[in-house]
Amino acid sequence: MFLLGCNNLGYDHKKGNELEKDIDKANELYKKSCDLENGLGCSNLGLSYERGKGFEKDIDKANELYKKSCDLENGWGCSNLGYNYERGKGLEKNIYKANELYKKSCDLENGLGCGNLGYNYERGKGLEKNIDKANELYKKSCDLEHALGCSNLGYNYEKGRGLEKDIYKANELYKKSCDSGSSYGCNNLGYSYKKGSGLEKDIDKANRLFKKSCDLENGFGCSNLGLSYEKGSGLEKNIDKANELYKKSCDLENALGCNNLGYSYQKGNGLKKDIDKAGELYKKSCDLGSALGCNNLGYIYEKRDELEKDIDTN
């Protein structure tokens, strides 16, 4: 109990929960907890090293602490280490090792590990594709109060992926996810309000949810909010704000944001016309998997001379 007390006191200092926010004090307590062989303390300390919170960023130190945490049977440490194997962050990429660690994390009742393993079953990443297994793991993740698991399960209810389509169940899960801090849940719930999918249409509520999603660094939320500014949907038209949001979305590797920003450069919507820049953004959008980005890039290749002549005559 004492070991967990040091970690929890550190967390309160980190968040400012009835204590003055103090990341150095938080890390000192995480270290004490970890030195006393508490896996959660090791994982939290590793996260501080990975993100450069109170320390110079050190991914090797972070992974060392995640490994210690996982060896101490802490699911967060296993999941974080698995993620870094999957992404090649300070470690040689190894999707099989990642999945092994996600499974251990999930078996330790960690919702993030279950959600990550579910995603890899759904996408066939290092595992044979299995949508039923993915949904089973998303449900376990959501039951363990992990927001992304709820969001992914909701999406599969909405689209009927391995489950009977149920937009009401989807929205219920999106709300739970958003309330727990998932940027994807907020964006998806916002989209349901925008379209009136299983909910009464409410563009103001949709835009508030898109903003929350964007503030949580979700590219879809930023792009959708940008579109509302561009079209004047529930907000005063503001193409400069729209382009700013499309840029943020694209910087967050969102294909739609890149495409929309490219279109603004192509048409001169709030930006100086620039066919090269438009093509560059369409290419990024296409590389990120957008069919629209690929189509628009093809159009640039086909019509480049005409488009440049149009710039010269304006």
Protein backbone atom coordinates (compact mmCIF):
# COMPACT_ATOMS: atom_id res chain seq x y z
CA MET A 1 0.00 0.00 0.00
CA PHE A 2 2.90 2.35 0.86
CA LEU A 3 4.47 1.73 -2.55
CA LEU A 4 1.29 2.78 -4.31
CA GLY A 5 1.01 5.79 -1.98
CA CYS A 6 4.28 7.25 -3.30
CA ASN A 7 3.08 6.83 -6.88
CA ASN A 8 -0.33 8.35 -6.15
CA LEU A 9 1.19 11.30 -4.31
CA GLY A 10 3.45 11.84 -7.34
CA TYR A 11 0.41 11.75 -9.63
CA ASP A 12 -1.34 14.38 -7.48
CA HIS A 13 1.71 16.66 -7.78
CA LYS A 14 1.76 16.08 -11.55
CA LYS A 15 -1.92 16.98 -12.01
CA GLY A 16 -2.25 19.55 -9.23
CA ASN A 17 -4.96 17.50 -7.47
CA GLU A 18 -5.24 19.41 -4.15
CA LEU A 19 -1.46 19.88 -4.28
CA GLU A 20 0.54 22.52 -6.08
CA LYS A 21 1.54 21.26 -9.52
CA ASP A 22 5.19 20.23 -9.32
CA ILE A 23 6.56 17.85 -11.98
CA ASP A 24 9.94 17.60 -10.22
CA LYS A 25 8.27 16.49 -7.00
CA ALA A 26 6.08 14.10 -8.98
CA ASN A 27 9.11 12.50 -10.64
CA GLU A 28 10.94 12.25 -7.30
CA LEU A 29 7.97 10.31 -5.91
CA TYR A 30 7.64 8.12 -9.01
CA LYS A 31 11.34 7.29 -8.63
CA LYS A 32 10.90 6.41 -4.97
CA SER A 33 7.91 4.24 -5.84
CA CYS A 34 9.87 2.53 -8.63
CA ASP A 35 12.92 2.00 -6.41
CA LEU A 36 10.51 0.27 -3.99
CA GLU A 37 9.58 -2.11 -6.86
CA ASN A 38 6.20 -0.58 -7.73
CA GLY A 39 5.52 -1.10 -11.43
CA LEU A 40 3.13 1.82 -11.85
CA GLY A 41 5.73 4.21 -10.43
CA CYS A 42 8.28 2.88 -12.95
CA SER A 43 5.84 3.31 -15.83
CA ASN A 44 4.96 6.88 -14.82
CA LEU A 45 8.63 7.77 -14.45
CA GLY A 46 9.28 6.26 -17.88
CA LEU A 47 6.52 8.40 -19.35
CA SER A 48 8.17 11.53 -17.92
CA TYR A 49 11.47 10.55 -19.56
CA GLU A 50 9.74 9.77 -22.86
CA ARG A 51 7.85 13.07 -22.96
CA GLY A 52 10.57 15.26 -21.48
CA LYS A 53 8.51 16.20 -18.43
CA GLY A 54 10.99 17.43 -15.83
CA PHE A 55 13.83 15.65 -17.62
CA GLU A 56 15.63 15.87 -20.91
CA LYS A 57 13.85 13.46 -23.27
CA ASP A 58 15.47 10.03 -23.05
CA ILE A 59 13.67 7.23 -24.89
CA ASP A 60 16.25 4.62 -23.86
CA LYS A 61 15.72 5.40 -20.17
CA ALA A 62 11.96 5.38 -20.74
CA ASN A 63 12.05 1.92 -22.32
CA GLU A 64 14.29 0.61 -19.55
CA LEU A 65 11.69 1.79 -17.00
CA TYR A 66 8.78 0.38 -19.00
CA LYS A 67 10.56 -2.98 -19.09
CA LYS A 68 11.08 -2.90 -15.32
CA SER A 69 7.44 -1.95 -14.89
CA CYS A 70 6.29 -4.80 -17.11
CA ASP A 71 8.60 -7.28 -15.35
CA LEU A 72 6.86 -6.14 -12.13
CA GLU A 73 3.55 -7.19 -13.73
CA ASN A 74 2.23 -3.69 -14.42
CA GLY A 75 0.01 -3.51 -17.50
CA TRP A 76 0.82 0.13 -18.30
CA GLY A 77 4.52 -0.63 -18.54
CA CYS A 78 3.88 -3.61 -20.83
CA SER A 79 1.58 -1.61 -23.09
CA ASN A 80 3.95 1.37 -23.31
CA LEU A 81 6.89 -0.89 -24.10
CA GLY A 82 4.80 -2.72 -26.69
CA TYR A 83 3.86 0.54 -28.36
CA ASN A 84 7.51 1.53 -28.64
CA TYR A 85 8.35 -1.85 -30.20
CA GLU A 86 5.50 -1.35 -32.66
CA ARG A 87 6.61 2.19 -33.61
CA GLY A 88 10.36 1.63 -33.37
CA LYS A 89 10.79 4.28 -30.69
CA GLY A 90 14.24 3.61 -29.26
CA LEU A 91 13.88 -0.06 -30.17
CA GLU A 92 14.05 -2.07 -33.37
CA LYS A 93 10.52 -2.35 -34.78
CA ASN A 94 8.99 -5.68 -33.87
CA ILE A 95 5.22 -6.06 -34.25
CA TYR A 96 5.30 -9.61 -32.87
CA LYS A 97 7.02 -8.49 -29.67
CA ALA A 98 4.58 -5.58 -29.47
CA ASN A 99 1.57 -7.91 -29.67
CA GLU A 100 3.09 -10.25 -27.08
CA LEU A 101 3.42 -7.26 -24.71
CA TYR A 102 -0.09 -5.97 -25.48
CA LYS A 103 -1.44 -9.44 -24.65
CA LYS A 104 0.42 -9.50 -21.35
CA SER A 105 -0.86 -6.00 -20.61
CA CYS A 106 -4.43 -7.02 -21.41
CA ASP A 107 -4.14 -10.19 -19.30
CA LEU A 108 -3.09 -7.83 -16.47
CA GLU A 109 -6.44 -6.03 -16.96
CA ASN A 110 -5.00 -2.96 -18.66
CA GLY A 111 -7.48 -1.34 -21.05
CA LEU A 112 -4.84 0.26 -23.27
CA GLY A 113 -3.15 -3.08 -23.89
CA CYS A 114 -6.50 -4.69 -24.77
CA GLY A 115 -7.36 -1.83 -27.12
CA ASN A 116 -4.00 -1.95 -28.89
CA LEU A 117 -4.18 -5.72 -29.30
CA GLY A 118 -7.73 -5.40 -30.61
CA TYR A 119 -6.65 -2.84 -33.18
CA ASN A 120 -3.91 -5.14 -34.44
CA TYR A 121 -6.39 -8.02 -34.77
CA GLU A 122 -8.72 -5.71 -36.73
CA ARG A 123 -5.95 -4.50 -39.06
CA GLY A 124 -4.04 -7.77 -39.32
CA LYS A 125 -0.84 -6.25 -37.90
CA GLY A 126 1.35 -9.18 -36.94
CA LEU A 127 -1.79 -11.26 -36.42
CA GLU A 128 -4.36 -12.89 -38.68
CA LYS A 129 -7.25 -10.46 -39.18
CA ASN A 130 -10.07 -11.27 -36.81
CA ILE A 131 -12.83 -8.69 -36.37
CA ASP A 132 -14.67 -10.77 -33.76
CA LYS A 133 -11.55 -10.99 -31.61
CA ALA A 134 -10.94 -7.27 -32.13
CA ASN A 135 -14.44 -6.37 -30.93
CA GLU A 136 -14.11 -8.71 -27.95
CA LEU A 137 -10.90 -6.91 -26.97
CA TYR A 138 -12.40 -3.44 -27.57
CA LYS A 139 -15.27 -4.39 -25.27
CA LYS A 140 -12.88 -5.56 -22.57
CA SER A 141 -10.87 -2.34 -23.02
CA CYS A 142 -14.03 -0.25 -22.70
CA ASP A 143 -15.22 -2.24 -19.66
CA LEU A 144 -11.82 -1.44 -18.11
CA GLU A 145 -12.69 2.26 -18.64
CA HIS A 146 -10.23 2.87 -21.46
CA ALA A 147 -11.65 5.57 -23.73
CA LEU A 148 -10.14 4.44 -27.04
CA GLY A 149 -11.54 0.94 -26.66
CA CYS A 150 -15.04 2.44 -26.27
CA SER A 151 -14.52 4.65 -29.32
CA ASN A 152 -13.30 1.78 -31.52
CA LEU A 153 -16.15 -0.46 -30.41
CA GLY A 154 -18.60 2.37 -31.10
CA TYR A 155 -17.21 2.84 -34.60
CA ASN A 156 -17.68 -0.85 -35.35
CA TYR A 157 -21.28 -0.68 -34.14
CA GLU A 158 -21.83 2.36 -36.37
CA LYS A 159 -20.35 0.70 -39.46
CA GLY A 160 -21.52 -2.85 -38.77
CA ARG A 161 -18.00 -4.26 -38.66
CA GLY A 162 -18.42 -7.69 -37.06
CA LEU A 163 -21.48 -6.40 -35.21
CA GLU A 164 -25.07 -5.62 -36.14
CA LYS A 165 -25.29 -1.93 -37.06
CA ASP A 166 -26.54 0.11 -34.10
CA ILE A 167 -26.02 3.88 -34.25
CA TYR A 168 -27.63 4.35 -30.83
CA LYS A 169 -25.16 1.96 -29.20
CA ALA A 170 -22.36 3.64 -31.18
CA ASN A 171 -23.30 7.10 -29.87
CA GLU A 172 -23.58 5.79 -26.32
CA LEU A 173 -20.04 4.44 -26.61
CA TYR A 174 -18.75 7.63 -28.26
CA LYS A 175 -20.16 9.65 -25.36
CA LYS A 176 -18.56 7.38 -22.78
CA SER A 177 -15.30 7.60 -24.69
CA CYS A 178 -15.44 11.40 -25.02
CA ASP A 179 -16.35 11.86 -21.35
CA SER A 180 -13.24 9.80 -20.53
CA GLY A 181 -11.03 12.06 -22.67
CA SER A 182 -10.82 10.30 -26.04
CA SER A 183 -10.35 12.73 -28.91
CA TYR A 184 -11.76 10.12 -31.32
CA GLY A 185 -14.89 9.62 -29.24
CA CYS A 186 -15.50 13.39 -29.14
CA ASN A 187 -15.01 13.76 -32.90
CA ASN A 188 -17.26 10.80 -33.73
CA LEU A 189 -20.00 12.00 -31.39
CA GLY A 190 -19.71 15.46 -32.91
CA TYR A 191 -20.14 14.01 -36.37
CA SER A 192 -23.30 12.20 -35.27
CA TYR A 193 -24.70 15.50 -33.98
CA LYS A 194 -23.71 17.23 -37.23
CA LYS A 195 -25.44 14.64 -39.42
CA GLY A 196 -28.32 13.77 -37.07
CA SER A 197 -27.20 10.14 -36.96
CA GLY A 198 -29.15 8.62 -34.09
CA LEU A 199 -29.32 12.05 -32.43
CA GLU A 200 -31.22 15.25 -33.09
CA LYS A 201 -29.12 17.47 -35.37
CA ASP A 202 -27.25 20.07 -33.34
CA ILE A 203 -24.44 21.88 -35.17
CA ASP A 204 -23.49 23.95 -32.12
CA LYS A 205 -22.97 20.83 -30.03
CA ALA A 206 -21.13 19.24 -32.96
CA ASN A 207 -18.70 22.17 -33.18
CA ARG A 208 -18.07 22.14 -29.44
CA LEU A 209 -17.20 18.45 -29.68
CA PHE A 210 -14.97 19.02 -32.73
CA LYS A 211 -13.17 21.73 -30.78
CA LYS A 212 -12.69 19.43 -27.77
CA SER A 213 -11.35 16.75 -30.09
CA CYS A 214 -8.99 19.20 -31.80
CA ASP A 215 -7.77 20.55 -28.45
CA LEU A 216 -6.93 16.93 -27.62
CA GLU A 217 -4.71 16.89 -30.76
CA ASN A 218 -7.02 14.89 -33.01
CA GLY A 219 -6.64 15.73 -36.70
CA PHE A 220 -10.21 14.72 -37.59
CA GLY A 221 -11.61 17.09 -35.00
CA CYS A 222 -9.45 19.95 -36.29
CA SER A 223 -10.40 19.28 -39.91
CA ASN A 224 -14.13 19.06 -39.11
CA LEU A 225 -14.01 22.27 -37.09
CA GLY A 226 -12.11 23.94 -39.95
CA LEU A 227 -14.83 22.89 -42.36
CA SER A 228 -17.46 24.49 -40.12
CA TYR A 229 -15.51 27.75 -40.16
CA GLU A 230 -15.07 27.56 -43.95
CA LYS A 231 -18.75 26.85 -44.64
CA GLY A 232 -20.20 28.96 -41.84
CA SER A 233 -21.89 25.91 -40.29
CA GLY A 234 -22.89 27.12 -36.84
CA LEU A 235 -19.95 29.52 -36.82
CA GLU A 236 -19.23 32.83 -38.50
CA LYS A 237 -17.40 32.16 -41.79
CA ASN A 238 -13.67 32.57 -41.30
CA ILE A 239 -11.40 31.11 -43.98
CA ASP A 240 -8.24 32.14 -42.14
CA LYS A 241 -9.31 30.18 -39.06
CA ALA A 242 -10.34 27.27 -41.30
CA ASN A 243 -6.90 27.14 -42.94
CA GLU A 244 -5.18 27.38 -39.57
CA LEU A 245 -7.18 24.35 -38.42
CA TYR A 246 -6.53 22.44 -41.66
CA LYS A 247 -2.81 23.05 -41.13
CA LYS A 248 -2.97 21.76 -37.57
CA SER A 249 -4.93 18.74 -38.80
CA CYS A 250 -2.37 18.03 -41.53
CA ASP A 251 0.52 18.45 -39.06
CA LEU A 252 -1.26 15.77 -36.99
CA GLU A 253 -1.02 13.47 -40.06
CA ASN A 254 -4.71 13.69 -40.95
CA ALA A 255 -5.34 13.09 -44.65
CA LEU A 256 -8.51 15.19 -44.87
CA GLY A 257 -6.83 18.20 -43.28
CA CYS A 258 -3.97 17.99 -45.79
CA ASN A 259 -6.41 17.70 -48.69
CA ASN A 260 -8.50 20.67 -47.52
CA LEU A 261 -5.43 22.86 -47.03
CA GLY A 262 -4.18 21.82 -50.48
CA TYR A 263 -7.52 22.87 -51.97
CA SER A 264 -7.21 26.30 -50.33
CA TYR A 265 -3.78 26.72 -51.94
CA GLN A 266 -5.11 25.54 -55.31
CA LYS A 267 -8.08 27.91 -55.27
CA GLY A 268 -6.51 30.79 -53.37
CA ASN A 269 -9.06 30.49 -50.56
CA GLY A 270 -7.53 32.73 -47.89
CA LEU A 271 -4.04 31.89 -49.14
CA LYS A 272 -1.95 32.94 -52.12
CA LYS A 273 -2.51 30.47 -54.97
CA ASP A 274 0.35 27.99 -55.07
CA ILE A 275 0.01 24.91 -57.29
CA ASP A 276 3.28 23.38 -56.07
CA LYS A 277 2.16 23.66 -52.45
CA ALA A 278 -1.27 22.28 -53.33
CA GLY A 279 0.32 19.30 -55.07
CA GLU A 280 2.63 18.68 -52.12
CA LEU A 281 -0.34 18.63 -49.73
CA TYR A 282 -2.45 16.43 -52.00
CA LYS A 283 0.47 13.99 -52.18
CA LYS A 284 0.70 13.87 -48.39
CA SER A 285 -3.06 13.36 -48.21
CA CYS A 286 -2.86 10.56 -50.78
CA ASP A 287 0.07 8.93 -48.95
CA LEU A 288 -2.02 9.03 -45.77
CA GLY A 289 -4.75 7.06 -47.53
CA SER A 290 -7.22 9.67 -48.82
CA ALA A 291 -8.87 8.77 -52.13
CA LEU A 292 -9.82 12.43 -52.55
CA GLY A 293 -6.21 13.50 -52.05
CA CYS A 294 -5.08 11.00 -54.70
CA ASN A 295 -7.75 12.22 -57.13
CA ASN A 296 -6.83 15.88 -56.58
CA LEU A 297 -3.15 15.13 -57.06
CA GLY A 298 -4.02 13.41 -60.34
CA TYR A 299 -5.94 16.51 -61.41
CA ILE A 300 -2.88 18.69 -60.68
CA TYR A 301 -0.74 16.42 -62.89
CA GLU A 302 -3.33 16.53 -65.69
CA LYS A 303 -4.17 20.25 -65.59
CA ARG A 304 -0.96 21.80 -64.27
CA ASP A 305 -0.33 24.07 -67.29
CA GLU A 306 -3.89 25.42 -67.24
CA LEU A 307 -3.80 25.96 -63.48
CA GLU A 308 -0.52 27.88 -63.65
CA LYS A 309 -1.79 29.96 -66.58
CA ASP A 310 -4.82 30.81 -64.44
CA ILE A 311 -2.48 32.16 -61.75
CA ASP A 312 -0.56 34.24 -64.32
CA THR A 313 -3.74 35.90 -65.62
CA ASN A 314 -4.97 36.89 -62.14
